[in-house]
PDB file of all heavy atoms in Angstrom:
ATOM      1  N   SER A   1       5.887  14.615 -26.116  1.00  0.00           N
ATOM      2  CA  SER A   1       5.876  14.641 -24.658  1.00  0.00           C
ATOM      3  C   SER A   1       5.298  13.348 -24.107  1.00  0.00           C
ATOM      4  O   SER A   1       4.522  12.670 -24.780  1.00  0.00           O
ATOM      5  CB  SER A   1       5.047  15.832 -24.169  1.00  0.00           C
ATOM      6  OG  SER A   1       4.932  15.842 -22.767  1.00  0.00           O
ATOM      7  N   LEU A   2       5.694  13.018 -22.892  1.00  0.00           N
ATOM      8  CA  LEU A   2       5.119  11.880 -22.181  1.00  0.00           C
ATOM      9  C   LEU A   2       4.648  12.369 -20.813  1.00  0.00           C
ATOM     10  O   LEU A   2       5.427  12.937 -20.047  1.00  0.00           O
ATOM     11  CB  LEU A   2       6.151  10.766 -22.003  1.00  0.00           C
ATOM     12  CG  LEU A   2       5.648   9.521 -21.266  1.00  0.00           C
ATOM     13  CD1 LEU A   2       4.654   8.748 -22.134  1.00  0.00           C
ATOM     14  CD2 LEU A   2       6.816   8.600 -20.883  1.00  0.00           C
ATOM     15  N   ASP A   3       3.350  12.178 -20.530  1.00  0.00           N
ATOM     16  CA  ASP A   3       2.829  12.473 -19.202  1.00  0.00           C
ATOM     17  C   ASP A   3       3.032  11.237 -18.337  1.00  0.00           C
ATOM     18  O   ASP A   3       2.605  10.128 -18.711  1.00  0.00           O
ATOM     19  CB  ASP A   3       1.343  12.789 -19.264  1.00  0.00           C
ATOM     20  CG  ASP A   3       1.051  14.156 -19.887  1.00  0.00           C
ATOM     21  OD1 ASP A   3       1.990  14.808 -20.358  1.00  0.00           O
ATOM     22  OD2 ASP A   3      -0.132  14.547 -19.904  1.00  0.00           O
ATOM     23  N   ILE A   4       3.667  11.419 -17.188  1.00  0.00           N
ATOM     24  CA  ILE A   4       3.932  10.306 -16.281  1.00  0.00           C
ATOM     25  C   ILE A   4       3.234  10.596 -14.952  1.00  0.00           C
ATOM     26  O   ILE A   4       3.624  11.500 -14.214  1.00  0.00           O
ATOM     27  CB  ILE A   4       5.443  10.117 -16.036  1.00  0.00           C
ATOM     28  CG1 ILE A   4       6.186   9.936 -17.367  1.00  0.00           C
ATOM     29  CG2 ILE A   4       5.696   8.936 -15.112  1.00  0.00           C
ATOM     30  CD1 ILE A   4       7.699   9.896 -17.213  1.00  0.00           C
ATOM     31  N   GLY A   5       2.205   9.830 -14.660  1.00  0.00           N
ATOM     32  CA  GLY A   5       1.518  10.001 -13.386  1.00  0.00           C
ATOM     33  C   GLY A   5       2.284   9.280 -12.302  1.00  0.00           C
ATOM     34  O   GLY A   5       2.084   8.080 -12.089  1.00  0.00           O
ATOM     35  N   THR A   6       3.150   9.983 -11.606  1.00  0.00           N
ATOM     36  CA  THR A   6       3.947   9.324 -10.572  1.00  0.00           C
ATOM     37  C   THR A   6       3.075   8.881  -9.404  1.00  0.00           C
ATOM     38  O   THR A   6       3.451   7.999  -8.640  1.00  0.00           O
ATOM     39  CB  THR A   6       5.083  10.228 -10.059  1.00  0.00           C
ATOM     40  OG1 THR A   6       4.526  11.342  -9.359  1.00  0.00           O
ATOM     41  CG2 THR A   6       5.938  10.721 -11.222  1.00  0.00           C
ATOM     42  N   THR A   7       1.899   9.498  -9.280  1.00  0.00           N
ATOM     43  CA  THR A   7       0.893   9.056  -8.312  1.00  0.00           C
ATOM     44  C   THR A   7      -0.479   9.531  -8.777  1.00  0.00           C
ATOM     45  O   THR A   7      -0.595  10.527  -9.495  1.00  0.00           O
ATOM     46  CB  THR A   7       1.166   9.608  -6.899  1.00  0.00           C
ATOM     47  OG1 THR A   7       0.157   9.088  -6.000  1.00  0.00           O
ATOM     48  CG2 THR A   7       1.113  11.124  -6.869  1.00  0.00           C
ATOM     49  N   ASN A   8      -1.516   8.801  -8.366  1.00  0.00           N
ATOM     50  CA  ASN A   8      -2.887   9.264  -8.608  1.00  0.00           C
ATOM     51  C   ASN A   8      -3.567   9.650  -7.293  1.00  0.00           C
ATOM     52  O   ASN A   8      -4.783   9.851  -7.245  1.00  0.00           O
ATOM     53  CB  ASN A   8      -3.709   8.216  -9.355  1.00  0.00           C
ATOM     54  CG  ASN A   8      -3.869   6.921  -8.575  1.00  0.00           C
ATOM     55  OD1 ASN A   8      -3.201   6.694  -7.570  1.00  0.00           O
ATOM     56  ND2 ASN A   8      -4.759   6.051  -9.044  1.00  0.00           N
ATOM     57  N   ALA A   9      -2.766   9.778  -6.238  1.00  0.00           N
ATOM     58  CA  ALA A   9      -3.295  10.254  -4.958  1.00  0.00           C
ATOM     59  C   ALA A   9      -3.557  11.754  -5.048  1.00  0.00           C
ATOM     60  O   ALA A   9      -2.855  12.472  -5.757  1.00  0.00           O
ATOM     61  CB  ALA A   9      -2.294   9.959  -3.839  1.00  0.00           C
ATOM     62  N   CYS A  10      -4.558  12.226  -4.338  1.00  0.00           N
ATOM     63  CA  CYS A  10      -4.869  13.655  -4.340  1.00  0.00           C
ATOM     64  C   CYS A  10      -5.412  14.059  -2.982  1.00  0.00           C
ATOM     65  O   CYS A  10      -6.024  13.252  -2.271  1.00  0.00           O
ATOM     66  CB  CYS A  10      -5.875  13.995  -5.443  1.00  0.00           C
ATOM     67  SG  CYS A  10      -6.076  15.776  -5.709  1.00  0.00           S
ATOM     68  N   ASN A  11      -5.204  15.318  -2.621  1.00  0.00           N
ATOM     69  CA  ASN A  11      -5.636  15.814  -1.310  1.00  0.00           C
ATOM     70  C   ASN A  11      -6.821  16.765  -1.417  1.00  0.00           C
ATOM     71  O   ASN A  11      -7.107  17.521  -0.489  1.00  0.00           O
ATOM     72  CB  ASN A  11      -4.474  16.501  -0.592  1.00  0.00           C
ATOM     73  CG  ASN A  11      -3.931  17.684  -1.375  1.00  0.00           C
ATOM     74  OD1 ASN A  11      -4.097  17.769  -2.589  1.00  0.00           O
ATOM     75  ND2 ASN A  11      -3.269  18.602  -0.688  1.00  0.00           N
ATOM     76  N   SER A  12      -7.493  16.755  -2.566  1.00  0.00           N
ATOM     77  CA  SER A  12      -8.672  17.598  -2.734  1.00  0.00           C
ATOM     78  C   SER A  12      -9.811  16.783  -3.321  1.00  0.00           C
ATOM     79  O   SER A  12      -9.596  15.698  -3.878  1.00  0.00           O
ATOM     80  CB  SER A  12      -8.344  18.788  -3.651  1.00  0.00           C
ATOM     81  OG  SER A  12      -9.473  19.618  -3.825  1.00  0.00           O
ATOM     82  N   ASN A  13     -11.002  17.309  -3.208  1.00  0.00           N
ATOM     83  CA  ASN A  13     -12.189  16.648  -3.768  1.00  0.00           C
ATOM     84  C   ASN A  13     -12.930  17.676  -4.623  1.00  0.00           C
ATOM     85  O   ASN A  13     -14.021  18.128  -4.264  1.00  0.00           O
ATOM     86  CB  ASN A  13     -13.078  16.114  -2.643  1.00  0.00           C
ATOM     87  CG  ASN A  13     -14.234  15.276  -3.157  1.00  0.00           C
ATOM     88  OD1 ASN A  13     -14.175  14.718  -4.258  1.00  0.00           O
ATOM     89  ND2 ASN A  13     -15.292  15.197  -2.378  1.00  0.00           N
ATOM     90  N   CYS A  14     -12.348  18.031  -5.754  1.00  0.00           N
ATOM     91  CA  CYS A  14     -12.874  19.097  -6.591  1.00  0.00           C
ATOM     92  C   CYS A  14     -14.220  18.713  -7.202  1.00  0.00           C
ATOM     93  O   CYS A  14     -14.434  17.548  -7.567  1.00  0.00           O
ATOM     94  CB  CYS A  14     -11.884  19.436  -7.703  1.00  0.00           C
ATOM     95  SG  CYS A  14     -10.264  19.929  -7.080  1.00  0.00           S
ATOM     96  N   VAL A  15     -15.099  19.685  -7.326  1.00  0.00           N
ATOM     97  CA  VAL A  15     -16.472  19.406  -7.745  1.00  0.00           C
ATOM     98  C   VAL A  15     -16.564  18.884  -9.172  1.00  0.00           C
ATOM     99  O   VAL A  15     -17.521  18.188  -9.522  1.00  0.00           O
ATOM    100  CB  VAL A  15     -17.350  20.665  -7.601  1.00  0.00           C
ATOM    101  CG1 VAL A  15     -17.456  21.085  -6.148  1.00  0.00           C
ATOM    102  CG2 VAL A  15     -16.814  21.825  -8.453  1.00  0.00           C
ATOM    103  N   MET A  16     -15.576  19.202 -10.024  1.00  0.00           N
ATOM    104  CA  MET A  16     -15.642  18.795 -11.427  1.00  0.00           C
ATOM    105  C   MET A  16     -14.826  17.539 -11.710  1.00  0.00           C
ATOM    106  O   MET A  16     -14.690  17.119 -12.853  1.00  0.00           O
ATOM    107  CB  MET A  16     -15.157  19.922 -12.344  1.00  0.00           C
ATOM    108  CG  MET A  16     -13.681  20.310 -12.229  1.00  0.00           C
ATOM    109  SD  MET A  16     -13.294  21.111 -10.648  1.00  0.00           S
ATOM    110  CE  MET A  16     -11.718  21.888 -10.998  1.00  0.00           C
ATOM    111  N   CYS A  17     -14.281  16.931 -10.657  1.00  0.00           N
ATOM    112  CA  CYS A  17     -13.341  15.827 -10.844  1.00  0.00           C
ATOM    113  C   CYS A  17     -13.897  14.506 -10.300  1.00  0.00           C
ATOM    114  O   CYS A  17     -14.429  14.463  -9.180  1.00  0.00           O
ATOM    115  CB  CYS A  17     -12.030  16.153 -10.134  1.00  0.00           C
ATOM    116  SG  CYS A  17     -10.768  14.877 -10.280  1.00  0.00           S
ATOM    117  N   PRO A  18     -13.760  13.416 -11.054  1.00  0.00           N
ATOM    118  CA  PRO A  18     -14.240  12.104 -10.600  1.00  0.00           C
ATOM    119  C   PRO A  18     -13.201  11.308  -9.828  1.00  0.00           C
ATOM    120  O   PRO A  18     -13.286  10.076  -9.759  1.00  0.00           O
ATOM    121  CB  PRO A  18     -14.584  11.418 -11.925  1.00  0.00           C
ATOM    122  CG  PRO A  18     -13.549  11.936 -12.870  1.00  0.00           C
ATOM    123  CD  PRO A  18     -13.306  13.369 -12.456  1.00  0.00           C
ATOM    124  N   HIS A  19     -12.221  11.993  -9.246  1.00  0.00           N
ATOM    125  CA  HIS A  19     -11.136  11.299  -8.565  1.00  0.00           C
ATOM    126  C   HIS A  19     -11.647  10.338  -7.501  1.00  0.00           C
ATOM    127  O   HIS A  19     -11.058   9.260  -7.279  1.00  0.00           O
ATOM    128  CB  HIS A  19     -10.171  12.314  -7.933  1.00  0.00           C
ATOM    129  CG  HIS A  19      -8.930  11.709  -7.372  1.00  0.00           C
ATOM    130  ND1 HIS A  19      -8.862  11.185  -6.092  1.00  0.00           N
ATOM    131  CD2 HIS A  19      -7.702  11.523  -7.915  1.00  0.00           C
ATOM    132  CE1 HIS A  19      -7.656  10.712  -5.877  1.00  0.00           C
ATOM    133  NE2 HIS A  19      -6.927  10.899  -6.957  1.00  0.00           N
ATOM    134  N   HIS A  20     -12.736  10.696  -6.847  1.00  0.00           N
ATOM    135  CA  HIS A  20     -13.284   9.853  -5.767  1.00  0.00           C
ATOM    136  C   HIS A  20     -13.776   8.503  -6.282  1.00  0.00           C
ATOM    137  O   HIS A  20     -14.028   7.585  -5.489  1.00  0.00           O
ATOM    138  CB  HIS A  20     -14.429  10.586  -5.066  1.00  0.00           C
ATOM    139  CG  HIS A  20     -15.582  10.879  -5.965  1.00  0.00           C
ATOM    140  ND1 HIS A  20     -15.568  11.924  -6.884  1.00  0.00           N
ATOM    141  CD2 HIS A  20     -16.791  10.280  -6.104  1.00  0.00           C
ATOM    142  CE1 HIS A  20     -16.720  11.952  -7.529  1.00  0.00           C
ATOM    143  NE2 HIS A  20     -17.468  10.964  -7.089  1.00  0.00           N
ATOM    144  N   LEU A  21     -13.883   8.368  -7.601  1.00  0.00           N
ATOM    145  CA  LEU A  21     -14.345   7.104  -8.184  1.00  0.00           C
ATOM    146  C   LEU A  21     -13.207   6.115  -8.454  1.00  0.00           C
ATOM    147  O   LEU A  21     -13.464   4.968  -8.817  1.00  0.00           O
ATOM    148  CB  LEU A  21     -15.093   7.372  -9.493  1.00  0.00           C
ATOM    149  CG  LEU A  21     -16.366   8.226  -9.383  1.00  0.00           C
ATOM    150  CD1 LEU A  21     -16.932   8.497 -10.761  1.00  0.00           C
ATOM    151  CD2 LEU A  21     -17.399   7.560  -8.490  1.00  0.00           C
ATOM    152  N   LEU A  22     -11.971   6.562  -8.289  1.00  0.00           N
ATOM    153  CA  LEU A  22     -10.835   5.668  -8.513  1.00  0.00           C
ATOM    154  C   LEU A  22     -10.877   4.493  -7.534  1.00  0.00           C
ATOM    155  O   LEU A  22     -11.165   4.665  -6.352  1.00  0.00           O
ATOM    156  CB  LEU A  22      -9.516   6.427  -8.337  1.00  0.00           C
ATOM    157  CG  LEU A  22      -9.139   7.422  -9.435  1.00  0.00           C
ATOM    158  CD1 LEU A  22      -7.867   8.171  -9.051  1.00  0.00           C
ATOM    159  CD2 LEU A  22      -8.944   6.727 -10.773  1.00  0.00           C
ATOM    160  N   LYS A  23     -10.549   3.332  -8.042  1.00  0.00           N
ATOM    161  CA  LYS A  23     -10.610   2.118  -7.223  1.00  0.00           C
ATOM    162  C   LYS A  23      -9.275   1.780  -6.583  1.00  0.00           C
ATOM    163  O   LYS A  23      -9.222   0.996  -5.624  1.00  0.00           O
ATOM    164  CB  LYS A  23     -11.105   0.952  -8.075  1.00  0.00           C
ATOM    165  CG  LYS A  23     -12.531   1.137  -8.584  1.00  0.00           C
ATOM    166  CD  LYS A  23     -12.981  -0.042  -9.432  1.00  0.00           C
ATOM    167  CE  LYS A  23     -14.406   0.146  -9.919  1.00  0.00           C
ATOM    168  NZ  LYS A  23     -14.877  -0.980 -10.773  1.00  0.00           N
ATOM    169  N   GLU A  24      -8.186   2.324  -7.119  1.00  0.00           N
ATOM    170  CA  GLU A  24      -6.865   1.994  -6.582  1.00  0.00           C
ATOM    171  C   GLU A  24      -5.974   3.222  -6.620  1.00  0.00           C
ATOM    172  O   GLU A  24      -5.916   3.922  -7.623  1.00  0.00           O
ATOM    173  CB  GLU A  24      -6.231   0.859  -7.392  1.00  0.00           C
ATOM    174  CG  GLU A  24      -4.927   0.340  -6.811  1.00  0.00           C
ATOM    175  CD  GLU A  24      -4.349  -0.833  -7.593  1.00  0.00           C
ATOM    176  OE1 GLU A  24      -4.892  -1.136  -8.680  1.00  0.00           O
ATOM    177  OE2 GLU A  24      -3.378  -1.440  -7.124  1.00  0.00           O
ATOM    178  N   ILE A  25      -5.295   3.482  -5.516  1.00  0.00           N
ATOM    179  CA  ILE A  25      -4.374   4.610  -5.405  1.00  0.00           C
ATOM    180  C   ILE A  25      -2.962   4.064  -5.225  1.00  0.00           C
ATOM    181  O   ILE A  25      -2.744   3.109  -4.473  1.00  0.00           O
ATOM    182  CB  ILE A  25      -4.731   5.501  -4.198  1.00  0.00           C
ATOM    183  CG1 ILE A  25      -6.166   6.012  -4.306  1.00  0.00           C
ATOM    184  CG2 ILE A  25      -3.741   6.667  -4.096  1.00  0.00           C
ATOM    185  CD1 ILE A  25      -6.434   6.898  -5.490  1.00  0.00           C
ATOM    186  N   GLY A  26      -2.000   4.646  -5.931  1.00  0.00           N
ATOM    187  CA  GLY A  26      -0.634   4.149  -5.806  1.00  0.00           C
ATOM    188  C   GLY A  26       0.415   5.171  -6.213  1.00  0.00           C
ATOM    189  O   GLY A  26       0.091   6.283  -6.656  1.00  0.00           O
ATOM    190  N   PHE A  27       1.667   4.773  -6.076  1.00  0.00           N
ATOM    191  CA  PHE A  27       2.812   5.616  -6.411  1.00  0.00           C
ATOM    192  C   PHE A  27       3.743   4.823  -7.313  1.00  0.00           C
ATOM    193  O   PHE A  27       3.953   3.629  -7.090  1.00  0.00           O
ATOM    194  CB  PHE A  27       3.550   6.056  -5.138  1.00  0.00           C
ATOM    195  CG  PHE A  27       2.734   6.940  -4.241  1.00  0.00           C
ATOM    196  CD1 PHE A  27       1.806   6.396  -3.355  1.00  0.00           C
ATOM    197  CD2 PHE A  27       2.875   8.319  -4.292  1.00  0.00           C
ATOM    198  CE1 PHE A  27       1.038   7.197  -2.535  1.00  0.00           C
ATOM    199  CE2 PHE A  27       2.123   9.143  -3.466  1.00  0.00           C
ATOM    200  CZ  PHE A  27       1.200   8.584  -2.593  1.00  0.00           C
ATOM    201  N   MET A  28       4.314   5.461  -8.298  1.00  0.00           N
ATOM    202  CA  MET A  28       5.170   4.752  -9.237  1.00  0.00           C
ATOM    203  C   MET A  28       6.486   4.329  -8.593  1.00  0.00           C
ATOM    204  O   MET A  28       7.189   5.138  -7.972  1.00  0.00           O
ATOM    205  CB  MET A  28       5.461   5.629 -10.466  1.00  0.00           C
ATOM    206  CG  MET A  28       6.307   4.922 -11.525  1.00  0.00           C
ATOM    207  SD  MET A  28       6.468   5.849 -13.064  1.00  0.00           S
ATOM    208  CE  MET A  28       4.836   5.593 -13.801  1.00  0.00           C
ATOM    209  N   ASP A  29       6.797   3.067  -8.754  1.00  0.00           N
ATOM    210  CA  ASP A  29       8.064   2.501  -8.276  1.00  0.00           C
ATOM    211  C   ASP A  29       9.237   3.187  -8.979  1.00  0.00           C
ATOM    212  O   ASP A  29       9.186   3.449 -10.180  1.00  0.00           O
ATOM    213  CB  ASP A  29       8.074   0.996  -8.564  1.00  0.00           C
ATOM    214  CG  ASP A  29       9.402   0.360  -8.257  1.00  0.00           C
ATOM    215  OD1 ASP A  29       9.683   0.128  -7.076  1.00  0.00           O
ATOM    216  OD2 ASP A  29      10.165   0.108  -9.220  1.00  0.00           O
ATOM    217  N   MET A  30      10.284   3.465  -8.236  1.00  0.00           N
ATOM    218  CA  MET A  30      11.425   4.192  -8.795  1.00  0.00           C
ATOM    219  C   MET A  30      12.109   3.414  -9.919  1.00  0.00           C
ATOM    220  O   MET A  30      12.571   4.021 -10.903  1.00  0.00           O
ATOM    221  CB  MET A  30      12.445   4.514  -7.689  1.00  0.00           C
ATOM    222  CG  MET A  30      13.595   5.397  -8.174  1.00  0.00           C
ATOM    223  SD  MET A  30      13.072   7.019  -8.816  1.00  0.00           S
ATOM    224  CE  MET A  30      12.653   7.844  -7.277  1.00  0.00           C
ATOM    225  N   ASN A  31      12.177   2.111  -9.817  1.00  0.00           N
ATOM    226  CA  ASN A  31      12.799   1.319 -10.882  1.00  0.00           C
ATOM    227  C   ASN A  31      12.004   1.433 -12.184  1.00  0.00           C
ATOM    228  O   ASN A  31      12.583   1.566 -13.269  1.00  0.00           O
ATOM    229  CB  ASN A  31      12.915  -0.150 -10.462  1.00  0.00           C
ATOM    230  CG  ASN A  31      13.938  -0.364  -9.371  1.00  0.00           C
ATOM    231  OD1 ASN A  31      14.935   0.354  -9.299  1.00  0.00           O
ATOM    232  ND2 ASN A  31      13.702  -1.340  -8.511  1.00  0.00           N
ATOM    233  N   LEU A  32      10.687   1.375 -12.081  1.00  0.00           N
ATOM    234  CA  LEU A  32       9.852   1.542 -13.269  1.00  0.00           C
ATOM    235  C   LEU A  32      10.007   2.945 -13.822  1.00  0.00           C
ATOM    236  O   LEU A  32      10.122   3.135 -15.048  1.00  0.00           O
ATOM    237  CB  LEU A  32       8.385   1.270 -12.929  1.00  0.00           C
ATOM    238  CG  LEU A  32       7.370   1.560 -14.044  1.00  0.00           C
ATOM    239  CD1 LEU A  32       7.654   0.726 -15.285  1.00  0.00           C
ATOM    240  CD2 LEU A  32       5.942   1.319 -13.538  1.00  0.00           C
ATOM    241  N   TYR A  33      10.026   3.924 -12.932  1.00  0.00           N
ATOM    242  CA  TYR A  33      10.193   5.316 -13.369  1.00  0.00           C
ATOM    243  C   TYR A  33      11.489   5.508 -14.148  1.00  0.00           C
ATOM    244  O   TYR A  33      11.500   6.112 -15.230  1.00  0.00           O
ATOM    245  CB  TYR A  33      10.160   6.256 -12.160  1.00  0.00           C
ATOM    246  CG  TYR A  33      10.459   7.696 -12.517  1.00  0.00           C
ATOM    247  CD1 TYR A  33       9.467   8.512 -13.068  1.00  0.00           C
ATOM    248  CD2 TYR A  33      11.733   8.231 -12.323  1.00  0.00           C
ATOM    249  CE1 TYR A  33       9.736   9.827 -13.417  1.00  0.00           C
ATOM    250  CE2 TYR A  33      12.009   9.549 -12.653  1.00  0.00           C
ATOM    251  CZ  TYR A  33      11.012  10.333 -13.205  1.00  0.00           C
ATOM    252  OH  TYR A  33      11.289  11.636 -13.547  1.00  0.00           O
ATOM    253  N   LYS A  34      12.589   4.980 -13.618  1.00  0.00           N
ATOM    254  CA  LYS A  34      13.878   5.131 -14.297  1.00  0.00           C
ATOM    255  C   LYS A  34      13.889   4.419 -15.645  1.00  0.00           C
ATOM    256  O   LYS A  34      14.481   4.911 -16.614  1.00  0.00           O
ATOM    257  CB  LYS A  34      15.011   4.621 -13.392  1.00  0.00           C
ATOM    258  CG  LYS A  34      15.281   5.521 -12.194  1.00  0.00           C
ATOM    259  CD  LYS A  34      16.454   5.014 -11.361  1.00  0.00           C
ATOM    260  CE  LYS A  34      16.763   5.976 -10.221  1.00  0.00           C
ATOM    261  NZ  LYS A  34      17.925   5.506  -9.393  1.00  0.00           N
ATOM    262  N   LYS A  35      13.241   3.266 -15.718  1.00  0.00           N
ATOM    263  CA  LYS A  35      13.128   2.552 -16.988  1.00  0.00           C
ATOM    264  C   LYS A  35      12.418   3.428 -18.030  1.00  0.00           C
ATOM    265  O   LYS A  35      12.842   3.513 -19.194  1.00  0.00           O
ATOM    266  CB  LYS A  35      12.367   1.239 -16.799  1.00  0.00           C
ATOM    267  CG  LYS A  35      12.095   0.456 -18.087  1.00  0.00           C
ATOM    268  CD  LYS A  35      11.283  -0.799 -17.786  1.00  0.00           C
ATOM    269  CE  LYS A  35      11.072  -1.646 -19.052  1.00  0.00           C
ATOM    270  NZ  LYS A  35      10.218  -0.986 -20.046  1.00  0.00           N
ATOM    271  N   ILE A  36      11.346   4.087 -17.595  1.00  0.00           N
ATOM    272  CA  ILE A  36      10.578   4.933 -18.504  1.00  0.00           C
ATOM    273  C   ILE A  36      11.393   6.143 -18.946  1.00  0.00           C
ATOM    274  O   ILE A  36      11.406   6.503 -20.129  1.00  0.00           O
ATOM    275  CB  ILE A  36       9.258   5.374 -17.822  1.00  0.00           C
ATOM    276  CG1 ILE A  36       8.351   4.167 -17.605  1.00  0.00           C
ATOM    277  CG2 ILE A  36       8.542   6.437 -18.658  1.00  0.00           C
ATOM    278  CD1 ILE A  36       7.131   4.465 -16.744  1.00  0.00           C
ATOM    279  N   ILE A  37      12.069   6.773 -18.006  1.00  0.00           N
ATOM    280  CA  ILE A  37      12.882   7.951 -18.343  1.00  0.00           C
ATOM    281  C   ILE A  37      14.025   7.568 -19.280  1.00  0.00           C
ATOM    282  O   ILE A  37      14.322   8.279 -20.256  1.00  0.00           O
ATOM    283  CB  ILE A  37      13.431   8.618 -17.069  1.00  0.00           C
ATOM    284  CG1 ILE A  37      12.294   9.228 -16.258  1.00  0.00           C
ATOM    285  CG2 ILE A  37      14.467   9.690 -17.429  1.00  0.00           C
ATOM    286  CD1 ILE A  37      11.518  10.321 -16.961  1.00  0.00           C
ATOM    287  N   ASP A  38      14.664   6.449 -19.015  1.00  0.00           N
ATOM    288  CA  ASP A  38      15.732   5.972 -19.903  1.00  0.00           C
ATOM    289  C   ASP A  38      15.191   5.717 -21.305  1.00  0.00           C
ATOM    290  O   ASP A  38      15.846   6.022 -22.310  1.00  0.00           O
ATOM    291  CB  ASP A  38      16.348   4.682 -19.348  1.00  0.00           C
ATOM    292  CG  ASP A  38      17.150   4.909 -18.075  1.00  0.00           C
ATOM    293  OD1 ASP A  38      17.428   6.076 -17.747  1.00  0.00           O
ATOM    294  OD2 ASP A  38      17.471   3.911 -17.393  1.00  0.00           O
TER     295      ASP A  38
END
């Protein structure tokens, strides 16, 4: 299997998660995504 994080954006601030420590938030470009799927 391959886990593909198409985004690291999130709409929650869960108590057990360090998501708030991320320095950069983004979304995977469709061209890169298709390259990976291919």
